[in-house]
Amino acid sequence: MKKVGAIAVTLVFQACTAAVPTSSPGASDAASEASPMPLSDSGVAALDANADDASPDASNDAGGDPPLPVKSIGFTLDYYNPATEMAGEMKFTKLKLEYDLIWQNFGTQDPRTTDPTKKNPQPLFILPLGTKARSLVDGEVINVQKLYSNDYTVWVARNKTSSWIYETEHVINAIVKVGDKVTAGQVLAEVSDYDATNHPGFGTLEIGILAPPDQFGNPMHECPFKYLDAAVKDDIRNKIKALLKSWEDYLNNPNIYDEGTYTSPGCATENAVGG
């Protein structure tokens, strides 16, 4: 299959820059004054369960703060059903999508440039409006921040001083607040209508792992699918592979993805990407 990378790298960079956690140590005064997210009256109560401390890859431990196992990819994914045109909560559509991508993989090349440093730091999904956005991990909500796109990002981590942050980005109608304890798969918010003018009835959802910065202090992202919990890893990876193939079949275009070159399903590379 021909290699076609795709993402809105610039927008992702803007989102990451805008979403400085207001509760983190050393946050700027400007960041602390950012607009808080309006919460519903039925805000989710804090859970008693503690976050899972298991590390999928001990080599990525940073100062005794290893990454959490990823147990959810932000929405419910399943095998494609031609009768309903659904793959779990992802609905196939003949609407023209950017680069024909309903699912954008981590680490793919920005097709607008030949600069090899311009990679996608966050997987991106096109989902029906109203789709619930779910936590990737067990942990604590450490930030709910308004973005440049007039929607929000929800950050979950082991605790507010953790070096590893799990992002659920481009969401609205959050039902959690800073300090809430959440479990993987728990509903945090809804998919945003950001960019819905380009694909009516559908919104954009991004997920990401904001990892410890590089040696120069630059923000870095890791592929979420690299850290899948052992209990769900095979199931999710198989569904990702099936989804990409089903989408190509649906559009009758075998050249949308080049998954044969990917390090693992959903990860064009498992190396950290700047942004």
Foldseek 3Di string as FASTA:
>chain_A
DAADAADDLVQVVQQVVLFDFLQAPPDDPVNVPADFADADPQADAADPDAFDQDALDVVQDDPNFHAGFFAAPFADAAFADVVQCDGRQAHDDPQDDVLLDQKHFFFGAHPVDPPSQRTHQWIKHKGFWPGFTWFRTWFFFRHWGQGPLRATKTWGGSDSHHQKIKIKDQFHRARYDGGGTDGTGHGGGTHHCRVCVSPPRIGMIIIWIFHHAPPVRFIKTFGSLVRHDPVCNVVVQVSLVSVVVVSCVVVVHPNSHDCVCQPGRRHNDRDIHTD
